[in-house]
Amino acid sequence: MLFIQDAYAAGVAGSQEQVGLLTMMPMLLFFFGMMYFMVLRPQQKKTKEHQSMMKALQKGDEIVTAGGIMGKVVHIDSDMVLLSVAKGCDMMLQKASIVTVLPKGSLEQMKT
């Protein structure tokens, strides 16, 4: 028994404090409340803003896609957009891939 210590059973009465469900309930509620206000609520707000941006999208708007492609909207369908990237170069993409709408004239300023 040079390196191994003897193990003894702990006393039963009052040696360890047991945490009941009622004492953990406020902590769990606080945790779920923080998760709601820090994760779920901002995500719902961001989704609502994106949906309103998609509804307000018009022909002639300058946009940026999730892939970083910038162009001008030529035609809008229910869930598809025809995007003019360069002279004579149009591409069809889904509305969901649009990240932001640029201010008017942004593409012309970037070319110069």
PDB file of N, CA and C in Angstrom:
ATOM      1  N   MET A   1       0.819  -1.185   0.000  1.00  0.00           N
ATOM      2  CA  MET A   1       0.000   0.000   0.000  1.00  0.00           C
ATOM      3  C   MET A   1       0.867   1.254   0.000  1.00  0.00           C
ATOM      4  N   LEU A   2       1.903   1.184  -0.768  1.00  0.00           N
ATOM      5  CA  LEU A   2       2.832   2.300  -0.804  1.00  0.00           C
ATOM      6  C   LEU A   2       2.263   3.476  -1.593  1.00  0.00           C
ATOM      7  N   PHE A   3       1.685   3.226  -2.798  1.00  0.00           N
ATOM      8  CA  PHE A   3       1.185   4.306  -3.650  1.00  0.00           C
ATOM      9  C   PHE A   3      -0.328   4.423  -3.661  1.00  0.00           C
ATOM     10  N   ILE A   4      -1.030   3.416  -3.231  1.00  0.00           N
ATOM     11  CA  ILE A   4      -2.484   3.418  -3.267  1.00  0.00           C
ATOM     12  C   ILE A   4      -3.011   3.717  -1.873  1.00  0.00           C
ATOM     13  N   GLN A   5      -3.877   4.726  -1.813  1.00  0.00           N
ATOM     14  CA  GLN A   5      -4.442   5.075  -0.523  1.00  0.00           C
ATOM     15  C   GLN A   5      -5.713   4.284  -0.289  1.00  0.00           C
ATOM     16  N   ASP A   6      -6.001   4.046   0.959  1.00  0.00           N
ATOM     17  CA  ASP A   6      -7.204   3.326   1.303  1.00  0.00           C
ATOM     18  C   ASP A   6      -8.424   4.224   1.099  1.00  0.00           C
ATOM     19  N   ALA A   7      -9.505   3.656   0.594  1.00  0.00           N
ATOM     20  CA  ALA A   7     -10.754   4.386   0.397  1.00  0.00           C
ATOM     21  C   ALA A   7     -11.707   4.029   1.521  1.00  0.00           C
ATOM     22  N   TYR A   8     -12.293   5.033   2.104  1.00  0.00           N
ATOM     23  CA  TYR A   8     -13.239   4.829   3.185  1.00  0.00           C
ATOM     24  C   TYR A   8     -14.589   5.414   2.765  1.00  0.00           C
ATOM     25  N   ALA A   9     -15.641   4.794   3.202  1.00  0.00           N
ATOM     26  CA  ALA A   9     -16.987   5.273   2.883  1.00  0.00           C
ATOM     27  C   ALA A   9     -17.263   6.558   3.637  1.00  0.00           C
ATOM     28  N   ALA A  10     -17.932   7.477   2.968  1.00  0.00           N
ATOM     29  CA  ALA A  10     -18.269   8.750   3.603  1.00  0.00           C
ATOM     30  C   ALA A  10     -19.459   8.547   4.522  1.00  0.00           C
ATOM     31  N   GLY A  11     -19.556   9.378   5.508  1.00  0.00           N
ATOM     32  CA  GLY A  11     -20.677   9.311   6.435  1.00  0.00           C
ATOM     33  C   GLY A  11     -21.983   9.625   5.722  1.00  0.00           C
ATOM     34  N   VAL A  12     -23.060   9.018   6.118  1.00  0.00           N
ATOM     35  CA  VAL A  12     -24.344   9.153   5.435  1.00  0.00           C
ATOM     36  C   VAL A  12     -25.040  10.455   5.824  1.00  0.00           C
ATOM     37  N   ALA A  13     -25.041  10.819   7.048  1.00  0.00           N
ATOM     38  CA  ALA A  13     -25.838  11.952   7.516  1.00  0.00           C
ATOM     39  C   ALA A  13     -25.071  13.257   7.357  1.00  0.00           C
ATOM     40  N   GLY A  14     -25.547  14.132   6.412  1.00  0.00           N
ATOM     41  CA  GLY A  14     -25.031  15.495   6.309  1.00  0.00           C
ATOM     42  C   GLY A  14     -23.681  15.636   5.643  1.00  0.00           C
ATOM     43  N   SER A  15     -23.147  14.621   5.027  1.00  0.00           N
ATOM     44  CA  SER A  15     -21.836  14.774   4.411  1.00  0.00           C
ATOM     45  C   SER A  15     -21.922  15.476   3.063  1.00  0.00           C
ATOM     46  N   GLN A  16     -22.968  15.237   2.327  1.00  0.00           N
ATOM     47  CA  GLN A  16     -23.129  15.905   1.037  1.00  0.00           C
ATOM     48  C   GLN A  16     -24.491  16.570   0.993  1.00  0.00           C
ATOM     49  N   GLU A  17     -24.515  17.724   0.369  1.00  0.00           N
ATOM     50  CA  GLU A  17     -25.767  18.442   0.216  1.00  0.00           C
ATOM     51  C   GLU A  17     -26.414  18.009  -1.086  1.00  0.00           C
ATOM     52  N   GLN A  18     -27.643  17.609  -1.041  1.00  0.00           N
ATOM     53  CA  GLN A  18     -28.328  17.212  -2.258  1.00  0.00           C
ATOM     54  C   GLN A  18     -29.157  18.388  -2.763  1.00  0.00           C
ATOM     55  N   VAL A  19     -29.060  18.615  -4.074  1.00  0.00           N
ATOM     56  CA  VAL A  19     -29.768  19.728  -4.687  1.00  0.00           C
ATOM     57  C   VAL A  19     -31.079  19.197  -5.241  1.00  0.00           C
ATOM     58  N   GLY A  20     -32.168  19.750  -4.802  1.00  0.00           N
ATOM     59  CA  GLY A  20     -33.481  19.309  -5.255  1.00  0.00           C
ATOM     60  C   GLY A  20     -33.902  20.019  -6.525  1.00  0.00           C
ATOM     61  N   LEU A  21     -34.981  19.547  -7.093  1.00  0.00           N
ATOM     62  CA  LEU A  21     -35.493  20.122  -8.329  1.00  0.00           C
ATOM     63  C   LEU A  21     -35.968  21.555  -8.132  1.00  0.00           C
ATOM     64  N   LEU A  22     -36.546  21.840  -6.993  1.00  0.00           N
ATOM     65  CA  LEU A  22     -37.043  23.197  -6.744  1.00  0.00           C
ATOM     66  C   LEU A  22     -35.925  24.219  -6.619  1.00  0.00           C
ATOM     67  N   THR A  23     -34.780  23.809  -6.139  1.00  0.00           N
ATOM     68  CA  THR A  23     -33.669  24.757  -6.037  1.00  0.00           C
ATOM     69  C   THR A  23     -32.987  24.967  -7.390  1.00  0.00           C
ATOM     70  N   MET A  24     -33.111  24.007  -8.301  1.00  0.00           N
ATOM     71  CA  MET A  24     -32.510  24.159  -9.635  1.00  0.00           C
ATOM     72  C   MET A  24     -33.445  24.854 -10.614  1.00  0.00           C
ATOM     73  N   MET A  25     -34.737  24.894 -10.322  1.00  0.00           N
ATOM     74  CA  MET A  25     -35.714  25.462 -11.242  1.00  0.00           C
ATOM     75  C   MET A  25     -35.436  26.924 -11.596  1.00  0.00           C
ATOM     76  N   PRO A  26     -35.146  27.808 -10.639  1.00  0.00           N
ATOM     77  CA  PRO A  26     -34.846  29.204 -11.019  1.00  0.00           C
ATOM     78  C   PRO A  26     -33.623  29.313 -11.925  1.00  0.00           C
ATOM     79  N   MET A  27     -32.626  28.489 -11.682  1.00  0.00           N
ATOM     80  CA  MET A  27     -31.432  28.525 -12.515  1.00  0.00           C
ATOM     81  C   MET A  27     -31.751  28.065 -13.939  1.00  0.00           C
ATOM     82  N   LEU A  28     -32.569  27.031 -14.085  1.00  0.00           N
ATOM     83  CA  LEU A  28     -32.954  26.555 -15.410  1.00  0.00           C
ATOM     84  C   LEU A  28     -33.799  27.595 -16.145  1.00  0.00           C
ATOM     85  N   LEU A  29     -34.731  28.231 -15.446  1.00  0.00           N
ATOM     86  CA  LEU A  29     -35.544  29.271 -16.059  1.00  0.00           C
ATOM     87  C   LEU A  29     -34.691  30.451 -16.504  1.00  0.00           C
ATOM     88  N   PHE A  30     -33.728  30.827 -15.687  1.00  0.00           N
ATOM     89  CA  PHE A  30     -32.809  31.908 -16.048  1.00  0.00           C
ATOM     90  C   PHE A  30     -32.009  31.537 -17.285  1.00  0.00           C
ATOM     91  N   PHE A  31     -31.529  30.306 -17.353  1.00  0.00           N
ATOM     92  CA  PHE A  31     -30.747  29.838 -18.493  1.00  0.00           C
ATOM     93  C   PHE A  31     -31.570  29.879 -19.779  1.00  0.00           C
ATOM     94  N   PHE A  32     -32.808  29.366 -19.746  1.00  0.00           N
ATOM     95  CA  PHE A  32     -33.650  29.378 -20.938  1.00  0.00           C
ATOM     96  C   PHE A  32     -34.063  30.801 -21.320  1.00  0.00           C
ATOM     97  N   GLY A  33     -34.250  31.662 -20.331  1.00  0.00           N
ATOM     98  CA  GLY A  33     -34.552  33.063 -20.623  1.00  0.00           C
ATOM     99  C   GLY A  33     -33.396  33.749 -21.333  1.00  0.00           C
ATOM    100  N   MET A  34     -32.187  33.495 -20.876  1.00  0.00           N
ATOM    101  CA  MET A  34     -31.007  34.074 -21.528  1.00  0.00           C
ATOM    102  C   MET A  34     -30.842  33.546 -22.950  1.00  0.00           C
ATOM    103  N   MET A  35     -31.103  32.261 -23.140  1.00  0.00           N
ATOM    104  CA  MET A  35     -31.019  31.687 -24.486  1.00  0.00           C
ATOM    105  C   MET A  35     -32.042  32.338 -25.415  1.00  0.00           C
ATOM    106  N   TYR A  36     -33.237  32.585 -24.912  1.00  0.00           N
ATOM    107  CA  TYR A  36     -34.269  33.215 -25.732  1.00  0.00           C
ATOM    108  C   TYR A  36     -33.847  34.623 -26.149  1.00  0.00           C
ATOM    109  N   PHE A  37     -33.398  35.432 -25.182  1.00  0.00           N
ATOM    110  CA  PHE A  37     -33.068  36.819 -25.487  1.00  0.00           C
ATOM    111  C   PHE A  37     -31.748  36.982 -26.218  1.00  0.00           C
ATOM    112  N   MET A  38     -30.847  36.022 -26.131  1.00  0.00           N
ATOM    113  CA  MET A  38     -29.550  36.162 -26.794  1.00  0.00           C
ATOM    114  C   MET A  38     -29.457  35.416 -28.124  1.00  0.00           C
ATOM    115  N   VAL A  39     -30.299  34.407 -28.338  1.00  0.00           N
ATOM    116  CA  VAL A  39     -30.189  33.609 -29.562  1.00  0.00           C
ATOM    117  C   VAL A  39     -31.477  33.642 -30.376  1.00  0.00           C
ATOM    118  N   LEU A  40     -32.573  33.216 -29.804  1.00  0.00           N
ATOM    119  CA  LEU A  40     -33.803  33.041 -30.564  1.00  0.00           C
ATOM    120  C   LEU A  40     -34.432  34.356 -31.012  1.00  0.00           C
ATOM    121  N   ARG A  41     -34.565  35.304 -30.124  1.00  0.00           N
ATOM    122  CA  ARG A  41     -35.211  36.569 -30.467  1.00  0.00           C
ATOM    123  C   ARG A  41     -34.451  37.341 -31.541  1.00  0.00           C
ATOM    124  N   PRO A  42     -33.129  37.510 -31.463  1.00  0.00           N
ATOM    125  CA  PRO A  42     -32.423  38.204 -32.553  1.00  0.00           C
ATOM    126  C   PRO A  42     -32.531  37.472 -33.889  1.00  0.00           C
ATOM    127  N   GLN A  43     -32.541  36.146 -33.864  1.00  0.00           N
ATOM    128  CA  GLN A  43     -32.665  35.392 -35.108  1.00  0.00           C
ATOM    129  C   GLN A  43     -34.044  35.596 -35.728  1.00  0.00           C
ATOM    130  N   GLN A  44     -35.085  35.617 -34.917  1.00  0.00           N
ATOM    131  CA  GLN A  44     -36.432  35.865 -35.425  1.00  0.00           C
ATOM    132  C   GLN A  44     -36.549  37.271 -36.010  1.00  0.00           C
ATOM    133  N   LYS A  45     -35.913  38.234 -35.364  1.00  0.00           N
ATOM    134  CA  LYS A  45     -35.930  39.610 -35.848  1.00  0.00           C
ATOM    135  C   LYS A  45     -35.204  39.721 -37.181  1.00  0.00           C
ATOM    136  N   LYS A  46     -34.083  39.059 -37.312  1.00  0.00           N
ATOM    137  CA  LYS A  46     -33.307  39.083 -38.551  1.00  0.00           C
ATOM    138  C   LYS A  46     -34.091  38.426 -39.691  1.00  0.00           C
ATOM    139  N   THR A  47     -34.768  37.328 -39.413  1.00  0.00           N
ATOM    140  CA  THR A  47     -35.578  36.641 -40.418  1.00  0.00           C
ATOM    141  C   THR A  47     -36.730  37.527 -40.875  1.00  0.00           C
ATOM    142  N   LYS A  48     -37.375  38.219 -39.945  1.00  0.00           N
ATOM    143  CA  LYS A  48     -38.488  39.098 -40.288  1.00  0.00           C
ATOM    144  C   LYS A  48     -38.007  40.267 -41.155  1.00  0.00           C
ATOM    145  N   GLU A  49     -36.835  40.839 -40.852  1.00  0.00           N
ATOM    146  CA  GLU A  49     -36.281  41.924 -41.655  1.00  0.00           C
ATOM    147  C   GLU A  49     -35.948  41.444 -43.070  1.00  0.00           C
ATOM    148  N   HIS A  50     -35.398  40.238 -43.196  1.00  0.00           N
ATOM    149  CA  HIS A  50     -35.055  39.692 -44.505  1.00  0.00           C
ATOM    150  C   HIS A  50     -36.312  39.460 -45.333  1.00  0.00           C
ATOM    151  N   GLN A  51     -37.366  38.957 -44.719  1.00  0.00           N
ATOM    152  CA  GLN A  51     -38.614  38.730 -45.442  1.00  0.00           C
ATOM    153  C   GLN A  51     -39.230  40.044 -45.907  1.00  0.00           C
ATOM    154  N   SER A  52     -39.182  41.077 -45.097  1.00  0.00           N
ATOM    155  CA  SER A  52     -39.725  42.375 -45.514  1.00  0.00           C
ATOM    156  C   SER A  52     -38.881  42.984 -46.634  1.00  0.00           C
ATOM    157  N   MET A  53     -37.560  42.744 -46.613  1.00  0.00           N
ATOM    158  CA  MET A  53     -36.695  43.218 -47.692  1.00  0.00           C
ATOM    159  C   MET A  53     -37.042  42.508 -49.000  1.00  0.00           C
ATOM    160  N   MET A  54     -37.343  41.212 -48.926  1.00  0.00           N
ATOM    161  CA  MET A  54     -37.701  40.457 -50.126  1.00  0.00           C
ATOM    162  C   MET A  54     -39.032  40.935 -50.713  1.00  0.00           C
ATOM    163  N   LYS A  55     -39.978  41.292 -49.848  1.00  0.00           N
ATOM    164  CA  LYS A  55     -41.266  41.790 -50.332  1.00  0.00           C
ATOM    165  C   LYS A  55     -41.136  43.162 -50.977  1.00  0.00           C
ATOM    166  N   ALA A  56     -40.207  43.981 -50.491  1.00  0.00           N
ATOM    167  CA  ALA A  56     -40.029  45.335 -51.005  1.00  0.00           C
ATOM    168  C   ALA A  56     -39.092  45.392 -52.217  1.00  0.00           C
ATOM    169  N   LEU A  57     -38.552  44.262 -52.640  1.00  0.00           N
ATOM    170  CA  LEU A  57     -37.617  44.224 -53.767  1.00  0.00           C
ATOM    171  C   LEU A  57     -38.329  44.630 -55.052  1.00  0.00           C
ATOM    172  N   GLN A  58     -37.699  45.535 -55.822  1.00  0.00           N
ATOM    173  CA  GLN A  58     -38.296  46.043 -57.048  1.00  0.00           C
ATOM    174  C   GLN A  58     -37.323  45.926 -58.207  1.00  0.00           C
ATOM    175  N   LYS A  59     -37.868  46.040 -59.411  1.00  0.00           N
ATOM    176  CA  LYS A  59     -37.051  46.048 -60.617  1.00  0.00           C
ATOM    177  C   LYS A  59     -36.171  47.303 -60.587  1.00  0.00           C
ATOM    178  N   GLY A  60     -34.886  47.137 -60.868  1.00  0.00           N
ATOM    179  CA  GLY A  60     -33.942  48.252 -60.860  1.00  0.00           C
ATOM    180  C   GLY A  60     -33.137  48.372 -59.579  1.00  0.00           C
ATOM    181  N   ASP A  61     -33.487  47.609 -58.543  1.00  0.00           N
ATOM    182  CA  ASP A  61     -32.714  47.631 -57.296  1.00  0.00           C
ATOM    183  C   ASP A  61     -31.352  46.988 -57.510  1.00  0.00           C
ATOM    184  N   GLU A  62     -30.350  47.517 -56.838  1.00  0.00           N
ATOM    185  CA  GLU A  62     -29.008  46.958 -56.891  1.00  0.00           C
ATOM    186  C   GLU A  62     -28.817  46.115 -55.642  1.00  0.00           C
ATOM    187  N   ILE A  63     -28.390  44.860 -55.833  1.00  0.00           N
ATOM    188  CA  ILE A  63     -28.345  43.914 -54.718  1.00  0.00           C
ATOM    189  C   ILE A  63     -26.993  43.221 -54.637  1.00  0.00           C
ATOM    190  N   VAL A  64     -26.768  42.560 -53.507  1.00  0.00           N
ATOM    191  CA  VAL A  64     -25.605  41.693 -53.286  1.00  0.00           C
ATOM    192  C   VAL A  64     -26.141  40.330 -52.872  1.00  0.00           C
ATOM    193  N   THR A  65     -25.611  39.269 -53.483  1.00  0.00           N
ATOM    194  CA  THR A  65     -26.049  37.916 -53.146  1.00  0.00           C
ATOM    195  C   THR A  65     -25.168  37.340 -52.048  1.00  0.00           C
ATOM    196  N   ALA A  66     -25.554  36.165 -51.563  1.00  0.00           N
ATOM    197  CA  ALA A  66     -24.783  35.490 -50.509  1.00  0.00           C
ATOM    198  C   ALA A  66     -23.400  35.094 -51.016  1.00  0.00           C
ATOM    199  N   GLY A  67     -23.256  34.886 -52.320  1.00  0.00           N
ATOM    200  CA  GLY A  67     -21.964  34.533 -52.900  1.00  0.00           C
ATOM    201  C   GLY A  67     -21.096  35.739 -53.209  1.00  0.00           C
ATOM    202  N   GLY A  68     -21.603  36.945 -52.975  1.00  0.00           N
ATOM    203  CA  GLY A  68     -20.832  38.160 -53.206  1.00  0.00           C
ATOM    204  C   GLY A  68     -21.033  38.750 -54.591  1.00  0.00           C
ATOM    205  N   ILE A  69     -21.960  38.229 -55.365  1.00  0.00           N
ATOM    206  CA  ILE A  69     -22.230  38.752 -56.703  1.00  0.00           C
ATOM    207  C   ILE A  69     -23.116  39.985 -56.574  1.00  0.00           C
ATOM    208  N   MET A  70     -22.707  41.059 -57.264  1.00  0.00           N
ATOM    209  CA  MET A  70     -23.482  42.297 -57.227  1.00  0.00           C
ATOM    210  C   MET A  70     -24.077  42.543 -58.601  1.00  0.00           C
ATOM    211  N   GLY A  71     -25.298  43.039 -58.628  1.00  0.00           N
ATOM    212  CA  GLY A  71     -25.938  43.322 -59.893  1.00  0.00           C
ATOM    213  C   GLY A  71     -27.239  44.065 -59.714  1.00  0.00           C
ATOM    214  N   LYS A  72     -27.910  44.297 -60.854  1.00  0.00           N
ATOM    215  CA  LYS A  72     -29.160  45.045 -60.876  1.00  0.00           C
ATOM    216  C   LYS A  72     -30.303  44.096 -61.221  1.00  0.00           C
ATOM    217  N   VAL A  73     -31.411  44.210 -60.510  1.00  0.00           N
ATOM    218  CA  VAL A  73     -32.574  43.358 -60.718  1.00  0.00           C
ATOM    219  C   VAL A  73     -33.250  43.763 -62.030  1.00  0.00           C
ATOM    220  N   VAL A  74     -33.448  42.768 -62.921  1.00  0.00           N
ATOM    221  CA  VAL A  74     -34.096  42.999 -64.201  1.00  0.00           C
ATOM    222  C   VAL A  74     -35.545  42.533 -64.169  1.00  0.00           C
ATOM    223  N   HIS A  75     -35.795  41.373 -63.565  1.00  0.00           N
ATOM    224  CA  HIS A  75     -37.146  40.802 -63.520  1.00  0.00           C
ATOM    225  C   HIS A  75     -37.315  40.044 -62.205  1.00  0.00           C
ATOM    226  N   ILE A  76     -38.523  40.090 -61.648  1.00  0.00           N
ATOM    227  CA  ILE A  76     -38.813  39.408 -60.379  1.00  0.00           C
ATOM    228  C   ILE A  76     -39.979  38.449 -60.580  1.00  0.00           C
ATOM    229  N   ASP A  77     -39.805  37.197 -60.175  1.00  0.00           N
ATOM    230  CA  ASP A  77     -40.891  36.216 -60.117  1.00  0.00           C
ATOM    231  C   ASP A  77     -41.237  36.002 -58.652  1.00  0.00           C
ATOM    232  N   SER A  78     -42.044  34.987 -58.369  1.00  0.00           N
ATOM    233  CA  SER A  78     -42.461  34.731 -56.991  1.00  0.00           C
ATOM    234  C   SER A  78     -41.286  34.382 -56.084  1.00  0.00           C
ATOM    235  N   ASP A  79     -40.381  33.519 -56.552  1.00  0.00           N
ATOM    236  CA  ASP A  79     -39.227  33.159 -55.727  1.00  0.00           C
ATOM    237  C   ASP A  79     -37.903  33.226 -56.484  1.00  0.00           C
ATOM    238  N   MET A  80     -37.922  33.738 -57.721  1.00  0.00           N
ATOM    239  CA  MET A  80     -36.712  33.856 -58.537  1.00  0.00           C
ATOM    240  C   MET A  80     -36.509  35.310 -58.970  1.00  0.00           C
ATOM    241  N   VAL A  81     -35.253  35.666 -59.224  1.00  0.00           N
ATOM    242  CA  VAL A  81     -34.892  37.016 -59.654  1.00  0.00           C
ATOM    243  C   VAL A  81     -33.924  36.900 -60.822  1.00  0.00           C
ATOM    244  N   LEU A  82     -34.137  37.705 -61.855  1.00  0.00           N
ATOM    245  CA  LEU A  82     -33.199  37.793 -62.973  1.00  0.00           C
ATOM    246  C   LEU A  82     -32.293  38.976 -62.685  1.00  0.00           C
ATOM    247  N   LEU A  83     -31.006  38.713 -62.599  1.00  0.00           N
ATOM    248  CA  LEU A  83     -30.027  39.705 -62.174  1.00  0.00           C
ATOM    249  C   LEU A  83     -29.096  40.030 -63.326  1.00  0.00           C
ATOM    250  N   SER A  84     -28.942  41.306 -63.639  1.00  0.00           N
ATOM    251  CA  SER A  84     -28.005  41.752 -64.667  1.00  0.00           C
ATOM    252  C   SER A  84     -26.668  42.046 -63.989  1.00  0.00           C
ATOM    253  N   VAL A  85     -25.666  41.229 -64.313  1.00  0.00           N
ATOM    254  CA  VAL A  85     -24.363  41.359 -63.683  1.00  0.00           C
ATOM    255  C   VAL A  85     -23.462  42.283 -64.502  1.00  0.00           C
ATOM    256  N   ALA A  86     -23.497  42.121 -65.810  1.00  0.00           N
ATOM    257  CA  ALA A  86     -22.728  42.956 -66.723  1.00  0.00           C
ATOM    258  C   ALA A  86     -23.545  43.120 -67.995  1.00  0.00           C
ATOM    259  N   LYS A  87     -23.049  43.940 -68.912  1.00  0.00           N
ATOM    260  CA  LYS A  87     -23.774  44.152 -70.158  1.00  0.00           C
ATOM    261  C   LYS A  87     -23.872  42.835 -70.919  1.00  0.00           C
ATOM    262  N   GLY A  88     -25.108  42.371 -71.150  1.00  0.00           N
ATOM    263  CA  GLY A  88     -25.345  41.122 -71.862  1.00  0.00           C
ATOM    264  C   GLY A  88     -25.153  39.875 -71.022  1.00  0.00           C
ATOM    265  N   CYS A  89     -24.957  40.021 -69.724  1.00  0.00           N
ATOM    266  CA  CYS A  89     -24.742  38.871 -68.837  1.00  0.00           C
ATOM    267  C   CYS A  89     -25.781  38.901 -67.711  1.00  0.00           C
ATOM    268  N   ASP A  90     -26.811  38.080 -67.871  1.00  0.00           N
ATOM    269  CA  ASP A  90     -27.870  37.989 -66.867  1.00  0.00           C
ATOM    270  C   ASP A  90     -27.818  36.620 -66.208  1.00  0.00           C
ATOM    271  N   MET A  91     -28.227  36.566 -64.974  1.00  0.00           N
ATOM    272  CA  MET A  91     -28.274  35.275 -64.272  1.00  0.00           C
ATOM    273  C   MET A  91     -29.537  35.189 -63.425  1.00  0.00           C
ATOM    274  N   MET A  92     -30.068  33.981 -63.341  1.00  0.00           N
ATOM    275  CA  MET A  92     -31.275  33.717 -62.558  1.00  0.00           C
ATOM    276  C   MET A  92     -30.837  33.178 -61.200  1.00  0.00           C
ATOM    277  N   LEU A  93     -31.424  33.714 -60.130  1.00  0.00           N
ATOM    278  CA  LEU A  93     -31.104  33.228 -58.785  1.00  0.00           C
ATOM    279  C   LEU A  93     -32.326  33.271 -57.899  1.00  0.00           C
ATOM    280  N   GLN A  94     -32.253  32.579 -56.787  1.00  0.00           N
ATOM    281  CA  GLN A  94     -33.359  32.555 -55.834  1.00  0.00           C
ATOM    282  C   GLN A  94     -33.361  33.823 -54.995  1.00  0.00           C
ATOM    283  N   LYS A  95     -34.549  34.262 -54.626  1.00  0.00           N
ATOM    284  CA  LYS A  95     -34.665  35.455 -53.778  1.00  0.00           C
ATOM    285  C   LYS A  95     -33.979  35.263 -52.434  1.00  0.00           C
ATOM    286  N   ALA A  96     -34.006  34.030 -51.930  1.00  0.00           N
ATOM    287  CA  ALA A  96     -33.440  33.755 -50.606  1.00  0.00           C
ATOM    288  C   ALA A  96     -31.937  33.993 -50.559  1.00  0.00           C
ATOM    289  N   SER A  97     -31.264  33.980 -51.710  1.00  0.00           N
ATOM    290  CA  SER A  97     -29.811  34.178 -51.718  1.00  0.00           C
ATOM    291  C   SER A  97     -29.422  35.647 -51.706  1.00  0.00           C
ATOM    292  N   ILE A  98     -30.401  36.556 -51.738  1.00  0.00           N
ATOM    293  CA  ILE A  98     -30.104  37.989 -51.688  1.00  0.00           C
ATOM    294  C   ILE A  98     -29.837  38.378 -50.241  1.00  0.00           C
ATOM    295  N   VAL A  99     -28.698  39.015 -50.027  1.00  0.00           N
ATOM    296  CA  VAL A  99     -28.301  39.393 -48.671  1.00  0.00           C
ATOM    297  C   VAL A  99     -28.704  40.822 -48.352  1.00  0.00           C
ATOM    298  N   THR A 100     -28.439  41.737 -49.278  1.00  0.00           N
ATOM    299  CA  THR A 100     -28.725  43.143 -49.001  1.00  0.00           C
ATOM    300  C   THR A 100     -29.076  43.885 -50.288  1.00  0.00           C
ATOM    301  N   VAL A 101     -29.767  44.982 -50.114  1.00  0.00           N
ATOM    302  CA  VAL A 101     -30.081  45.887 -51.214  1.00  0.00           C
ATOM    303  C   VAL A 101     -29.187  47.110 -51.056  1.00  0.00           C
ATOM    304  N   LEU A 102     -28.450  47.421 -52.125  1.00  0.00           N
ATOM    305  CA  LEU A 102     -27.522  48.554 -52.100  1.00  0.00           C
ATOM    306  C   LEU A 102     -28.256  49.852 -52.423  1.00  0.00           C
ATOM    307  N   PRO A 103     -27.708  50.987 -51.994  1.00  0.00           N
ATOM    308  CA  PRO A 103     -28.291  52.269 -52.402  1.00  0.00           C
ATOM    309  C   PRO A 103     -28.145  52.463 -53.920  1.00  0.00           C
ATOM    310  N   LYS A 104     -29.043  53.237 -54.503  1.00  0.00           N
ATOM    311  CA  LYS A 104     -29.016  53.490 -55.946  1.00  0.00           C
ATOM    312  C   LYS A 104     -27.686  54.125 -56.351  1.00  0.00           C
ATOM    313  N   GLY A 105     -27.119  53.639 -57.442  1.00  0.00           N
ATOM    314  CA  GLY A 105     -25.873  54.186 -57.973  1.00  0.00           C
ATOM    315  C   GLY A 105     -24.615  53.583 -57.374  1.00  0.00           C
ATOM    316  N   SER A 106     -24.743  52.617 -56.492  1.00  0.00           N
ATOM    317  CA  SER A 106     -23.570  52.013 -55.845  1.00  0.00           C
ATOM    318  C   SER A 106     -22.706  51.253 -56.840  1.00  0.00           C
ATOM    319  N   LEU A 107     -23.335  50.573 -57.786  1.00  0.00           N
ATOM    320  CA  LEU A 107     -22.577  49.785 -58.756  1.00  0.00           C
ATOM    321  C   LEU A 107     -21.768  50.684 -59.684  1.00  0.00           C
ATOM    322  N   GLU A 108     -22.322  51.829 -60.058  1.00  0.00           N
ATOM    323  CA  GLU A 108     -21.599  52.764 -60.936  1.00  0.00           C
ATOM    324  C   GLU A 108     -20.393  53.360 -60.213  1.00  0.00           C
ATOM    325  N   GLN A 109     -20.537  53.637 -58.929  1.00  0.00           N
ATOM    326  CA  GLN A 109     -19.428  54.189 -58.161  1.00  0.00           C
ATOM    327  C   GLN A 109     -18.294  53.187 -58.016  1.00  0.00           C
ATOM    328  N   MET A 110     -18.624  51.886 -57.919  1.00  0.00           N
ATOM    329  CA  MET A 110     -17.607  50.858 -57.745  1.00  0.00           C
ATOM    330  C   MET A 110     -16.842  50.603 -59.033  1.00  0.00           C
ATOM    331  N   LYS A 111     -17.468  50.856 -60.195  1.00  0.00           N
ATOM    332  CA  LYS A 111     -16.801  50.629 -61.474  1.00  0.00           C
ATOM    333  C   LYS A 111     -15.728  51.663 -61.738  1.00  0.00           C
ATOM    334  N   THR A 112     -15.877  52.841 -61.197  1.00  0.00           N
ATOM    335  CA  THR A 112     -14.899  53.898 -61.470  1.00  0.00           C
ATOM    336  C   THR A 112     -13.826  53.952 -60.442  1.00  0.00           C
TER     337      THR A 112
END
